[in-house]
Amino acid sequence: MRTPMNSKEKLCKEDRTEKIDQAYFRSLIGCLMFLTATRPDILNVVSILSRFMHCASEWHLKAAKRVLRYVKGTSDFGIKYIKSKEFKLVGFSDSDWRGSIDDMKSTSGYCFTLGSGVFSWSSKKQEIVAQSTAEAEFIAATAAVNQA
């Protein structure tokens, strides 16, 4: 697995696949959430999957299993903080305009690096429906600036 989630997949509540055991899915997502403390690369997909804990289907389970395969294949990856002469704070923000099929809300996120590694990150579904991609990006940038 090269990525924890297929970028062409859009998960939704009603995907016409068979529903699965909700307790099992919640437990799996809980384990993945615990793992995000040391694996920020899966944070976005776990955040998206957690939106479906009350209505999980075979499609959602398939996406969660992809994350598990990704983690297994990248177990030697990690954040390394190395000594550096340049101690520079850098921030990034992004959003996916109307990323949620169910309510058309965007997901915005940011991350900050200091020196050689990430130290702060967030991925959150926006509370309002952005009317344009520029508005969605502005909301994401505002969240990043507020964190800085």
N, C-alpha and C. Protein backbone atom coordinates (compact mmCIF):
# COMPACT_ATOMS: atom_id res chain seq x y z
N MET A 1 0.83 -1.19 0.00
CA MET A 1 0.00 0.00 0.00
C MET A 1 0.88 1.25 0.00
N ARG A 2 0.64 2.11 -0.95
CA ARG A 2 1.39 3.36 -1.02
C ARG A 2 0.72 4.48 -0.23
N THR A 3 -0.59 4.42 -0.10
CA THR A 3 -1.33 5.44 0.63
C THR A 3 -2.35 4.77 1.54
N PRO A 4 -2.70 5.42 2.66
CA PRO A 4 -3.67 4.81 3.57
C PRO A 4 -5.11 4.84 3.06
N MET A 5 -5.38 5.68 2.05
CA MET A 5 -6.74 5.76 1.50
C MET A 5 -6.68 6.03 0.01
N ASN A 6 -7.57 5.39 -0.72
CA ASN A 6 -7.67 5.64 -2.15
C ASN A 6 -8.26 7.04 -2.35
N SER A 7 -7.52 7.91 -3.01
CA SER A 7 -7.96 9.30 -3.16
C SER A 7 -9.20 9.44 -4.05
N LYS A 8 -9.50 8.43 -4.84
CA LYS A 8 -10.68 8.49 -5.71
C LYS A 8 -11.94 8.00 -5.00
N GLU A 9 -11.78 7.37 -3.84
CA GLU A 9 -12.92 6.87 -3.07
C GLU A 9 -13.57 8.00 -2.29
N LYS A 10 -14.88 8.08 -2.36
CA LYS A 10 -15.65 9.02 -1.55
C LYS A 10 -16.59 8.18 -0.69
N LEU A 11 -16.32 8.13 0.60
CA LEU A 11 -17.15 7.35 1.51
C LEU A 11 -18.41 8.13 1.86
N CYS A 12 -19.51 7.41 2.01
CA CYS A 12 -20.77 8.05 2.40
C CYS A 12 -21.56 7.11 3.31
N LYS A 13 -22.59 7.66 3.95
CA LYS A 13 -23.38 6.87 4.90
C LYS A 13 -24.16 5.76 4.20
N GLU A 14 -24.81 6.08 3.12
CA GLU A 14 -25.63 5.11 2.39
C GLU A 14 -24.89 4.68 1.13
N ASP A 15 -24.14 3.58 1.23
CA ASP A 15 -23.37 3.12 0.08
C ASP A 15 -23.91 1.82 -0.52
N ARG A 16 -25.06 1.38 -0.06
CA ARG A 16 -25.76 0.20 -0.58
C ARG A 16 -24.99 -1.11 -0.40
N THR A 17 -24.07 -1.14 0.54
CA THR A 17 -23.42 -2.41 0.88
C THR A 17 -23.94 -2.86 2.23
N GLU A 18 -23.69 -4.12 2.53
CA GLU A 18 -24.22 -4.72 3.76
C GLU A 18 -23.62 -4.06 5.00
N LYS A 19 -24.47 -3.81 6.00
CA LYS A 19 -24.02 -3.25 7.27
C LYS A 19 -23.23 -4.31 8.03
N ILE A 20 -22.29 -3.86 8.86
CA ILE A 20 -21.45 -4.79 9.62
C ILE A 20 -21.66 -4.57 11.11
N ASP A 21 -21.01 -5.40 11.92
CA ASP A 21 -21.09 -5.30 13.37
C ASP A 21 -20.49 -3.96 13.81
N GLN A 22 -21.34 -3.09 14.35
CA GLN A 22 -20.92 -1.74 14.73
C GLN A 22 -19.87 -1.76 15.85
N ALA A 23 -20.01 -2.69 16.79
CA ALA A 23 -19.06 -2.78 17.91
C ALA A 23 -17.66 -3.11 17.39
N TYR A 24 -17.58 -4.03 16.44
CA TYR A 24 -16.29 -4.41 15.86
C TYR A 24 -15.66 -3.21 15.15
N PHE A 25 -16.46 -2.50 14.37
CA PHE A 25 -15.94 -1.35 13.62
C PHE A 25 -15.49 -0.24 14.57
N ARG A 26 -16.28 0.04 15.61
CA ARG A 26 -15.89 1.06 16.59
C ARG A 26 -14.58 0.69 17.28
N SER A 27 -14.42 -0.59 17.60
CA SER A 27 -13.19 -1.05 18.25
C SER A 27 -11.99 -0.86 17.31
N LEU A 28 -12.17 -1.21 16.05
CA LEU A 28 -11.10 -1.05 15.07
C LEU A 28 -10.72 0.42 14.91
N ILE A 29 -11.70 1.30 14.81
CA ILE A 29 -11.43 2.73 14.67
C ILE A 29 -10.77 3.27 15.94
N GLY A 30 -11.18 2.79 17.10
CA GLY A 30 -10.54 3.20 18.35
C GLY A 30 -9.07 2.84 18.38
N CYS A 31 -8.74 1.64 17.91
CA CYS A 31 -7.34 1.22 17.84
C CYS A 31 -6.56 2.10 16.87
N LEU A 32 -7.16 2.41 15.73
CA LEU A 32 -6.49 3.28 14.76
C LEU A 32 -6.31 4.69 15.31
N MET A 33 -7.29 5.18 16.08
CA MET A 33 -7.15 6.50 16.70
C MET A 33 -5.98 6.53 17.68
N PHE A 34 -5.83 5.46 18.44
CA PHE A 34 -4.71 5.36 19.37
C PHE A 34 -3.40 5.41 18.59
N LEU A 35 -3.38 4.75 17.45
CA LEU A 35 -2.17 4.68 16.64
C LEU A 35 -1.80 6.04 16.03
N THR A 36 -2.77 6.92 15.85
CA THR A 36 -2.47 8.23 15.25
C THR A 36 -1.54 9.09 16.10
N ALA A 37 -1.41 8.76 17.37
CA ALA A 37 -0.50 9.52 18.23
C ALA A 37 0.94 9.43 17.73
N THR A 38 1.28 8.30 17.12
CA THR A 38 2.64 8.13 16.60
C THR A 38 2.67 8.03 15.08
N ARG A 39 1.51 8.01 14.45
CA ARG A 39 1.44 7.88 12.99
C ARG A 39 0.52 8.96 12.41
N PRO A 40 0.97 10.21 12.35
CA PRO A 40 0.11 11.28 11.84
C PRO A 40 -0.26 11.10 10.37
N ASP A 41 0.44 10.23 9.66
CA ASP A 41 0.14 10.00 8.25
C ASP A 41 -1.21 9.31 8.04
N ILE A 42 -1.76 8.68 9.08
CA ILE A 42 -3.07 8.04 8.94
C ILE A 42 -4.18 8.86 9.60
N LEU A 43 -3.84 10.01 10.14
CA LEU A 43 -4.80 10.82 10.89
C LEU A 43 -6.02 11.22 10.05
N ASN A 44 -5.81 11.66 8.85
CA ASN A 44 -6.92 12.11 8.02
C ASN A 44 -7.89 10.98 7.71
N VAL A 45 -7.39 9.86 7.26
CA VAL A 45 -8.28 8.75 6.90
C VAL A 45 -9.01 8.19 8.13
N VAL A 46 -8.34 8.14 9.27
CA VAL A 46 -9.00 7.66 10.49
C VAL A 46 -10.10 8.64 10.91
N SER A 47 -9.83 9.92 10.76
CA SER A 47 -10.84 10.93 11.06
C SER A 47 -12.07 10.76 10.16
N ILE A 48 -11.85 10.51 8.90
CA ILE A 48 -12.95 10.30 7.96
C ILE A 48 -13.71 9.03 8.30
N LEU A 49 -13.00 7.93 8.57
CA LEU A 49 -13.66 6.66 8.90
C LEU A 49 -14.46 6.76 10.19
N SER A 50 -14.00 7.57 11.14
CA SER A 50 -14.71 7.68 12.42
C SER A 50 -16.10 8.30 12.26
N ARG A 51 -16.34 8.99 11.17
CA ARG A 51 -17.66 9.58 10.92
C ARG A 51 -18.73 8.52 10.65
N PHE A 52 -18.29 7.29 10.38
CA PHE A 52 -19.23 6.24 9.99
C PHE A 52 -19.35 5.15 11.05
N MET A 53 -18.95 5.44 12.28
CA MET A 53 -19.00 4.41 13.33
C MET A 53 -20.43 3.99 13.64
N HIS A 54 -21.40 4.84 13.42
CA HIS A 54 -22.80 4.52 13.72
C HIS A 54 -23.53 3.87 12.54
N CYS A 55 -22.89 3.83 11.38
CA CYS A 55 -23.56 3.27 10.19
C CYS A 55 -22.56 2.54 9.30
N ALA A 56 -21.62 1.84 9.91
CA ALA A 56 -20.54 1.19 9.16
C ALA A 56 -21.06 0.08 8.26
N SER A 57 -20.45 -0.01 7.09
CA SER A 57 -20.81 -1.03 6.12
C SER A 57 -19.55 -1.77 5.66
N GLU A 58 -19.75 -2.74 4.78
CA GLU A 58 -18.62 -3.49 4.22
C GLU A 58 -17.63 -2.54 3.54
N TRP A 59 -18.13 -1.51 2.89
CA TRP A 59 -17.28 -0.55 2.19
C TRP A 59 -16.37 0.19 3.18
N HIS A 60 -16.92 0.59 4.32
CA HIS A 60 -16.13 1.28 5.34
C HIS A 60 -15.09 0.33 5.95
N LEU A 61 -15.49 -0.91 6.18
CA LEU A 61 -14.55 -1.90 6.72
C LEU A 61 -13.41 -2.15 5.75
N LYS A 62 -13.72 -2.20 4.46
CA LYS A 62 -12.69 -2.38 3.44
C LYS A 62 -11.68 -1.23 3.49
N ALA A 63 -12.18 0.00 3.66
CA ALA A 63 -11.29 1.17 3.75
C ALA A 63 -10.44 1.10 5.01
N ALA A 64 -11.02 0.65 6.13
CA ALA A 64 -10.26 0.53 7.38
C ALA A 64 -9.18 -0.55 7.26
N LYS A 65 -9.50 -1.64 6.58
CA LYS A 65 -8.50 -2.70 6.39
C LYS A 65 -7.36 -2.23 5.49
N ARG A 66 -7.66 -1.33 4.57
CA ARG A 66 -6.60 -0.75 3.74
C ARG A 66 -5.62 0.02 4.63
N VAL A 67 -6.14 0.75 5.61
CA VAL A 67 -5.28 1.48 6.55
C VAL A 67 -4.38 0.50 7.30
N LEU A 68 -4.96 -0.62 7.74
CA LEU A 68 -4.17 -1.63 8.46
C LEU A 68 -3.06 -2.18 7.58
N ARG A 69 -3.36 -2.46 6.31
CA ARG A 69 -2.33 -2.95 5.39
C ARG A 69 -1.25 -1.89 5.17
N TYR A 70 -1.66 -0.63 5.10
CA TYR A 70 -0.70 0.46 4.94
C TYR A 70 0.22 0.53 6.16
N VAL A 71 -0.35 0.45 7.35
CA VAL A 71 0.45 0.51 8.58
C VAL A 71 1.43 -0.66 8.63
N LYS A 72 0.95 -1.85 8.27
CA LYS A 72 1.83 -3.03 8.27
C LYS A 72 2.99 -2.84 7.30
N GLY A 73 2.72 -2.26 6.13
CA GLY A 73 3.75 -2.08 5.12
C GLY A 73 4.69 -0.92 5.40
N THR A 74 4.34 -0.05 6.33
CA THR A 74 5.17 1.12 6.62
C THR A 74 5.57 1.17 8.09
N SER A 75 5.68 0.02 8.70
CA SER A 75 5.98 -0.02 10.14
C SER A 75 7.35 0.55 10.49
N ASP A 76 8.23 0.64 9.51
CA ASP A 76 9.55 1.21 9.79
C ASP A 76 9.58 2.73 9.55
N PHE A 77 8.46 3.32 9.15
CA PHE A 77 8.38 4.77 8.96
C PHE A 77 8.24 5.44 10.32
N GLY A 78 8.61 6.69 10.41
CA GLY A 78 8.44 7.43 11.65
C GLY A 78 8.89 8.86 11.49
N ILE A 79 8.63 9.64 12.51
CA ILE A 79 9.08 11.02 12.53
C ILE A 79 10.43 11.05 13.23
N LYS A 80 11.39 11.65 12.58
CA LYS A 80 12.72 11.73 13.18
C LYS A 80 13.05 13.19 13.44
N TYR A 81 13.43 13.45 14.66
CA TYR A 81 13.86 14.79 15.04
C TYR A 81 15.38 14.75 15.11
N ILE A 82 16.00 15.37 14.13
CA ILE A 82 17.46 15.37 14.09
C ILE A 82 17.99 16.77 14.36
N LYS A 83 19.20 16.82 14.85
CA LYS A 83 19.83 18.10 15.14
C LYS A 83 20.04 18.86 13.83
N SER A 84 19.66 20.13 13.86
CA SER A 84 19.75 20.94 12.66
C SER A 84 20.19 22.34 13.03
N LYS A 85 20.97 22.94 12.16
CA LYS A 85 21.40 24.31 12.39
C LYS A 85 20.26 25.28 12.11
N GLU A 86 19.38 24.90 11.20
CA GLU A 86 18.25 25.76 10.85
C GLU A 86 17.02 25.29 11.61
N PHE A 87 16.57 26.10 12.53
CA PHE A 87 15.42 25.77 13.38
C PHE A 87 14.26 26.63 12.93
N LYS A 88 13.59 26.21 11.86
CA LYS A 88 12.60 27.04 11.19
C LYS A 88 11.20 26.47 11.39
N LEU A 89 10.26 27.34 11.73
CA LEU A 89 8.86 26.96 11.86
C LEU A 89 8.18 27.09 10.50
N VAL A 90 7.57 25.99 10.04
CA VAL A 90 6.88 25.98 8.75
C VAL A 90 5.49 25.40 8.95
N GLY A 91 4.49 26.04 8.35
CA GLY A 91 3.12 25.56 8.46
C GLY A 91 2.50 25.31 7.10
N PHE A 92 1.63 24.32 7.03
CA PHE A 92 0.90 23.98 5.81
C PHE A 92 -0.57 23.85 6.16
N SER A 93 -1.44 24.25 5.24
CA SER A 93 -2.88 24.03 5.42
C SER A 93 -3.49 23.62 4.08
N ASP A 94 -4.60 22.89 4.15
CA ASP A 94 -5.27 22.46 2.93
C ASP A 94 -6.71 22.09 3.27
N SER A 95 -7.54 21.99 2.25
CA SER A 95 -8.92 21.54 2.44
C SER A 95 -9.38 20.81 1.19
N ASP A 96 -10.42 20.02 1.36
CA ASP A 96 -11.04 19.35 0.20
C ASP A 96 -12.45 19.90 0.06
N TRP A 97 -12.64 20.77 -0.87
CA TRP A 97 -13.92 21.45 -1.03
C TRP A 97 -15.03 20.44 -1.29
N ARG A 98 -16.05 20.47 -0.44
CA ARG A 98 -17.20 19.58 -0.52
C ARG A 98 -16.79 18.11 -0.54
N GLY A 99 -15.86 17.76 0.33
CA GLY A 99 -15.34 16.40 0.38
C GLY A 99 -16.32 15.37 0.88
N SER A 100 -17.28 15.77 1.69
CA SER A 100 -18.26 14.83 2.22
C SER A 100 -19.47 14.77 1.30
N ILE A 101 -19.77 13.59 0.80
CA ILE A 101 -20.92 13.41 -0.08
C ILE A 101 -22.22 13.60 0.69
N ASP A 102 -22.22 13.23 1.97
CA ASP A 102 -23.45 13.26 2.76
C ASP A 102 -23.97 14.66 3.03
N ASP A 103 -23.08 15.60 3.38
CA ASP A 103 -23.55 16.95 3.72
C ASP A 103 -22.80 18.07 2.99
N MET A 104 -21.94 17.71 2.06
CA MET A 104 -21.18 18.65 1.24
C MET A 104 -20.23 19.56 2.03
N LYS A 105 -19.89 19.17 3.24
CA LYS A 105 -18.95 19.96 4.03
C LYS A 105 -17.52 19.56 3.66
N SER A 106 -16.62 20.51 3.80
CA SER A 106 -15.21 20.29 3.50
C SER A 106 -14.48 19.81 4.74
N THR A 107 -13.35 19.17 4.53
CA THR A 107 -12.45 18.81 5.62
C THR A 107 -11.21 19.68 5.45
N SER A 108 -10.80 20.34 6.52
CA SER A 108 -9.60 21.16 6.45
C SER A 108 -8.58 20.63 7.44
N GLY A 109 -7.35 20.89 7.13
CA GLY A 109 -6.29 20.42 8.01
C GLY A 109 -5.06 21.29 7.91
N TYR A 110 -4.19 21.11 8.88
CA TYR A 110 -2.93 21.83 8.88
C TYR A 110 -1.88 20.99 9.59
N CYS A 111 -0.64 21.31 9.34
CA CYS A 111 0.46 20.72 10.12
C CYS A 111 1.58 21.74 10.22
N PHE A 112 2.32 21.63 11.30
CA PHE A 112 3.46 22.52 11.54
C PHE A 112 4.70 21.68 11.78
N THR A 113 5.80 22.13 11.20
CA THR A 113 7.08 21.49 11.44
C THR A 113 8.00 22.50 12.12
N LEU A 114 8.86 21.99 12.94
CA LEU A 114 9.87 22.82 13.60
C LEU A 114 11.18 22.07 13.46
N GLY A 115 12.08 22.63 12.67
CA GLY A 115 13.31 21.91 12.41
C GLY A 115 13.05 20.77 11.44
N SER A 116 13.14 19.54 11.93
CA SER A 116 13.09 18.39 11.03
C SER A 116 11.84 17.54 11.11
N GLY A 117 10.90 17.85 12.00
CA GLY A 117 9.75 16.96 12.13
C GLY A 117 8.46 17.68 12.47
N VAL A 118 7.36 17.00 12.21
CA VAL A 118 6.03 17.53 12.51
C VAL A 118 5.81 17.51 14.01
N PHE A 119 5.26 18.61 14.56
CA PHE A 119 4.96 18.61 15.99
C PHE A 119 3.51 18.94 16.29
N SER A 120 2.77 19.45 15.31
CA SER A 120 1.37 19.76 15.53
C SER A 120 0.61 19.56 14.23
N TRP A 121 -0.58 18.93 14.32
CA TRP A 121 -1.38 18.72 13.13
C TRP A 121 -2.84 18.59 13.52
N SER A 122 -3.70 18.82 12.56
CA SER A 122 -5.14 18.70 12.79
C SER A 122 -5.84 18.41 11.48
N SER A 123 -6.92 17.68 11.56
CA SER A 123 -7.79 17.43 10.42
C SER A 123 -9.21 17.46 10.97
N LYS A 124 -10.03 18.37 10.45
CA LYS A 124 -11.36 18.55 11.02
C LYS A 124 -12.37 18.88 9.93
N LYS A 125 -13.55 18.32 10.08
CA LYS A 125 -14.64 18.65 9.16
C LYS A 125 -15.12 20.06 9.48
N GLN A 126 -15.25 20.89 8.45
CA GLN A 126 -15.68 22.27 8.66
C GLN A 126 -17.14 22.30 9.11
N GLU A 127 -17.47 23.28 9.92
CA GLU A 127 -18.82 23.37 10.50
C GLU A 127 -19.85 23.93 9.54
N ILE A 128 -19.40 24.64 8.51
CA ILE A 128 -20.33 25.20 7.54
C ILE A 128 -20.02 24.64 6.15
N VAL A 129 -20.94 24.79 5.24
CA VAL A 129 -20.72 24.39 3.86
C VAL A 129 -20.09 25.56 3.12
N ALA A 130 -18.86 25.38 2.66
CA ALA A 130 -18.18 26.43 1.92
C ALA A 130 -18.80 26.55 0.53
N GLN A 131 -19.00 27.77 0.07
CA GLN A 131 -19.63 28.00 -1.23
C GLN A 131 -18.64 27.94 -2.40
N SER A 132 -17.35 27.97 -2.08
CA SER A 132 -16.34 27.90 -3.13
C SER A 132 -15.09 27.26 -2.56
N THR A 133 -14.22 26.84 -3.46
CA THR A 133 -12.95 26.25 -3.01
C THR A 133 -12.10 27.31 -2.30
N ALA A 134 -12.21 28.56 -2.74
CA ALA A 134 -11.45 29.64 -2.09
C ALA A 134 -11.91 29.82 -0.65
N GLU A 135 -13.21 29.75 -0.41
CA GLU A 135 -13.74 29.88 0.95
C GLU A 135 -13.28 28.71 1.82
N ALA A 136 -13.29 27.50 1.27
CA ALA A 136 -12.83 26.32 2.02
C ALA A 136 -11.35 26.46 2.38
N GLU A 137 -10.54 26.94 1.43
CA GLU A 137 -9.11 27.14 1.69
C GLU A 137 -8.90 28.25 2.72
N PHE A 138 -9.70 29.30 2.67
CA PHE A 138 -9.60 30.40 3.63
C PHE A 138 -9.91 29.89 5.05
N ILE A 139 -10.92 29.05 5.19
CA ILE A 139 -11.27 28.49 6.50
C ILE A 139 -10.12 27.64 7.02
N ALA A 140 -9.50 26.84 6.14
CA ALA A 140 -8.36 26.01 6.55
C ALA A 140 -7.18 26.88 6.97
N ALA A 141 -6.90 27.93 6.20
CA ALA A 141 -5.78 28.82 6.53
C ALA A 141 -6.04 29.55 7.84
N THR A 142 -7.27 29.95 8.09
CA THR A 142 -7.62 30.62 9.34
C THR A 142 -7.39 29.70 10.54
N ALA A 143 -7.77 28.44 10.40
CA ALA A 143 -7.54 27.47 11.49
C ALA A 143 -6.05 27.30 11.75
N ALA A 144 -5.26 27.27 10.68
CA ALA A 144 -3.81 27.13 10.84
C ALA A 144 -3.21 28.35 11.52
N VAL A 145 -3.64 29.54 11.13
CA VAL A 145 -3.13 30.78 11.73
C VAL A 145 -3.51 30.84 13.20
N ASN A 146 -4.73 30.43 13.54
CA ASN A 146 -5.15 30.43 14.94
C ASN A 146 -4.30 29.49 15.78
N GLN A 147 -3.85 28.39 15.20
CA GLN A 147 -3.00 27.44 15.93
C GLN A 147 -1.59 27.99 16.11
N ALA A 148 -1.10 28.70 15.10
CA ALA A 148 0.26 29.22 15.15
C ALA A 148 0.36 30.24 16.25
